[in-house]
Amino acid sequence: MKLHASGEDYLETILVLHKKTGMVRSVDVARHMGVSKPSVCVAVNTLKDGGFLTMDEDHFLHLTDVGREMAEKIYKRHCFFTEQLIAAGVDPKTAEADACRIEHIISDESFSRLKEAAAQGQD
């Protein structure tokens, strides 16, 4: 199943919240993302149907292996682009917002090449 940018954002948010607190519920996602609980409910159901996450009997959200892999990929891109933009002199708030858009549209090949170029630049 191909995810849209919003689905990737939900996975990334669940990953980040899980790293912070260990347990994540839909209300936590809504609060973190600044969206309504019904919006999160729709997204959670879509992600569950796609095999990206599960919800236990206590309504805690858990990424599946596929969901975690996708979330980690997006999160790594987000961090990379945020850091690169800030290093280039972009205001951190703008860098964060721009990184959130870039992370969804860049190809795996282009991202890999940019990471290699950045690593070579640090040598």
Protein backbone atom coordinates (compact mmCIF):
# COMPACT_ATOMS: atom_id res chain seq x y z
CA MET A 1 0.00 0.00 0.00
CA LYS A 2 1.36 3.41 -1.00
CA LEU A 3 1.08 6.04 1.70
CA HIS A 4 0.31 9.68 1.15
CA ALA A 5 2.33 12.35 2.94
CA SER A 6 -0.30 12.61 5.68
CA GLY A 7 -0.08 8.88 6.42
CA GLU A 8 3.69 9.14 6.61
CA ASP A 9 3.30 12.08 9.01
CA TYR A 10 1.07 10.00 11.27
CA LEU A 11 3.58 7.13 11.30
CA GLU A 12 6.43 9.51 12.04
CA THR A 13 4.47 11.12 14.87
CA ILE A 14 3.63 7.75 16.42
CA LEU A 15 7.31 6.77 16.24
CA VAL A 16 8.48 10.04 17.82
CA LEU A 17 5.87 9.86 20.59
CA HIS A 18 6.69 6.22 21.26
CA LYS A 19 10.39 7.09 21.59
CA LYS A 20 9.46 9.88 24.04
CA THR A 21 6.84 8.20 26.19
CA GLY A 22 6.78 4.50 25.33
CA MET A 23 3.01 4.44 24.92
CA VAL A 24 0.90 6.24 22.32
CA ARG A 25 -2.84 6.75 22.02
CA SER A 26 -4.81 8.53 19.33
CA VAL A 27 -5.39 11.52 21.62
CA ASP A 28 -1.60 11.92 21.97
CA VAL A 29 -1.23 11.95 18.19
CA ALA A 30 -4.03 14.52 17.82
CA ARG A 31 -2.46 16.79 20.42
CA HIS A 32 1.05 16.50 18.94
CA MET A 33 -0.05 17.12 15.36
CA GLY A 34 -2.68 19.74 16.16
CA VAL A 35 -5.45 17.81 14.40
CA SER A 36 -8.87 16.60 15.52
CA LYS A 37 -9.43 13.22 17.16
CA PRO A 38 -11.80 12.18 14.33
CA SER A 39 -9.02 12.91 11.82
CA VAL A 40 -6.65 10.68 13.77
CA CYS A 41 -9.32 7.97 13.94
CA VAL A 42 -9.66 7.94 10.15
CA ALA A 43 -5.88 7.87 9.69
CA VAL A 44 -5.43 5.11 12.28
CA ASN A 45 -8.04 2.94 10.57
CA THR A 46 -6.36 3.48 7.19
CA LEU A 47 -2.95 2.64 8.64
CA LYS A 48 -4.34 -0.44 10.40
CA ASP A 49 -5.96 -1.61 7.15
CA GLY A 50 -2.62 -1.10 5.38
CA GLY A 51 -0.77 -3.21 7.94
CA PHE A 52 1.28 -0.30 9.30
CA LEU A 53 0.00 -0.34 12.87
CA THR A 54 -2.16 -2.15 15.37
CA MET A 55 -4.21 -1.02 18.34
CA ASP A 56 -4.38 -3.10 21.50
CA GLU A 57 -7.36 -3.58 23.80
CA ASP A 58 -6.29 -0.52 25.84
CA HIS A 59 -6.29 1.59 22.64
CA PHE A 60 -2.51 2.01 22.53
CA LEU A 61 -1.04 2.27 19.04
CA HIS A 62 1.82 -0.01 17.99
CA LEU A 63 3.76 0.18 14.74
CA THR A 64 4.12 -3.09 12.87
CA ASP A 65 7.53 -3.99 11.43
CA VAL A 66 6.48 -2.45 8.11
CA GLY A 67 5.09 0.64 9.85
CA ARG A 68 8.23 1.08 11.94
CA GLU A 69 10.45 0.73 8.87
CA MET A 70 8.45 3.39 7.02
CA ALA A 71 8.34 5.70 10.06
CA GLU A 72 12.10 5.39 10.63
CA LYS A 73 12.78 6.16 6.96
CA ILE A 74 10.67 9.32 7.10
CA TYR A 75 12.06 10.37 10.46
CA LYS A 76 15.68 9.99 9.28
CA ARG A 77 14.93 12.12 6.24
CA HIS A 78 13.20 14.71 8.39
CA CYS A 79 16.17 14.96 10.76
CA PHE A 80 18.68 15.08 7.90
CA PHE A 81 16.92 17.88 6.05
CA THR A 82 16.24 19.87 9.22
CA GLU A 83 19.92 19.69 10.19
CA GLN A 84 21.15 20.56 6.69
CA LEU A 85 18.83 23.54 6.37
CA ILE A 86 19.75 24.90 9.79
CA ALA A 87 23.45 24.44 8.96
CA ALA A 88 22.83 26.45 5.78
CA GLY A 89 21.46 29.31 7.87
CA VAL A 90 17.72 28.70 7.60
CA ASP A 91 15.65 29.68 10.64
CA PRO A 92 15.00 26.47 12.67
CA LYS A 93 11.21 26.85 12.52
CA THR A 94 11.30 27.28 8.72
CA ALA A 95 13.83 24.44 8.41
CA GLU A 96 11.51 22.13 10.35
CA ALA A 97 8.52 23.00 8.16
CA ASP A 98 10.48 22.69 4.92
CA ALA A 99 12.04 19.38 5.99
CA CYS A 100 8.54 18.03 6.62
CA ARG A 101 7.63 18.73 3.00
CA ILE A 102 10.92 17.59 1.43
CA GLU A 103 10.97 14.25 3.29
CA HIS A 104 7.89 13.05 1.42
CA ILE A 105 8.82 13.88 -2.15
CA ILE A 106 12.49 13.07 -2.51
CA SER A 107 13.41 9.77 -4.18
CA ASP A 108 15.46 7.15 -2.37
CA GLU A 109 18.27 7.65 -4.90
CA SER A 110 18.41 11.43 -4.47
CA PHE A 111 18.30 11.16 -0.69
CA SER A 112 21.10 8.60 -0.71
CA ARG A 113 23.27 10.83 -2.92
CA LEU A 114 22.64 13.88 -0.73
CA LYS A 115 23.59 11.93 2.40
CA GLU A 116 26.81 10.75 0.71
CA ALA A 117 27.63 14.30 -0.41
CA ALA A 118 26.98 15.66 3.09
CA ALA A 119 29.17 12.98 4.65
CA GLN A 120 32.00 13.76 2.22
CA GLY A 121 31.67 17.43 3.04
CA GLN A 122 32.30 16.66 6.71
CA ASP A 123 35.55 14.83 6.02
